Amino acid sequence: MEPWRTEMLDQKRLEGLMRGFIAFEIPIDRIEGKAKLGQNKSAEDQDAVSAAIGTLW
């Protein structure tokens, strides 16, 4: 499947969508993390997720 690109839309539709975007900032005071290593998932599922995440970087 081909990735979606803005060039696939006609210019008028794209301009309409762009008017719906709102930019904002959120100050971050702290970051908290939680580790869940998929202990309730099969090794195959864990490997599939790891592979999918690897394609993002």
Protein backbone atom coordinates (compact mmCIF):
# COMPACT_ATOMS: atom_id res chain seq x y z
CA MET A 1 0.00 0.00 0.00
CA GLU A 2 1.35 3.42 -0.95
CA PRO A 3 1.79 5.91 1.92
CA TRP A 4 -0.65 8.82 2.02
CA ARG A 5 0.78 12.13 0.77
CA THR A 6 -0.66 15.63 0.53
CA GLU A 7 -0.03 15.58 -3.22
CA MET A 8 -2.88 13.05 -3.47
CA LEU A 9 -5.45 15.74 -2.56
CA ASP A 10 -6.64 18.53 -4.76
CA GLN A 11 -5.39 21.94 -3.60
CA LYS A 12 -8.79 23.20 -2.44
CA ARG A 13 -9.34 20.17 -0.18
CA LEU A 14 -5.84 20.48 1.25
CA GLU A 15 -6.33 24.17 2.04
CA GLY A 16 -9.58 23.33 3.84
CA LEU A 17 -7.85 20.71 5.96
CA MET A 18 -4.95 23.04 6.77
CA ARG A 19 -7.35 25.63 8.23
CA GLY A 20 -8.26 23.03 10.86
CA PHE A 21 -4.74 22.82 12.29
CA ILE A 22 -4.06 24.65 15.54
CA ALA A 23 -0.50 25.02 16.84
CA PHE A 24 0.17 24.99 20.57
CA GLU A 25 2.93 24.36 23.10
CA ILE A 26 2.78 22.53 26.40
CA PRO A 27 5.52 23.20 28.94
CA ILE A 28 6.88 19.99 30.47
CA ASP A 29 7.81 20.07 34.15
CA ARG A 30 8.61 16.38 34.52
CA ILE A 31 8.49 13.10 32.64
CA GLU A 32 7.47 9.83 34.24
CA GLY A 33 7.89 6.48 32.58
CA LYS A 34 6.51 3.03 33.07
CA ALA A 35 8.03 -0.18 31.79
CA LYS A 36 5.72 -2.95 30.71
CA LEU A 37 7.69 -5.54 28.88
CA GLY A 38 4.76 -7.43 27.41
CA GLN A 39 4.93 -10.22 29.94
CA ASN A 40 1.42 -11.30 28.99
CA LYS A 41 2.26 -11.51 25.25
CA SER A 42 3.81 -14.34 23.29
CA ALA A 43 7.42 -14.15 22.15
CA GLU A 44 6.17 -13.86 18.56
CA ASP A 45 4.03 -10.83 19.44
CA GLN A 46 6.93 -9.21 21.28
CA ASP A 47 9.25 -9.79 18.31
CA ALA A 48 6.67 -8.34 15.90
CA VAL A 49 6.31 -5.17 17.99
CA SER A 50 10.08 -4.83 18.28
CA ALA A 51 10.45 -5.16 14.51
CA ALA A 52 7.67 -2.62 13.85
CA ILE A 53 9.21 -0.09 16.22
CA GLY A 54 12.59 -0.61 14.59
CA THR A 55 11.16 0.53 11.23
CA LEU A 56 10.14 3.87 12.78
CA TRP A 57 13.70 4.88 13.61
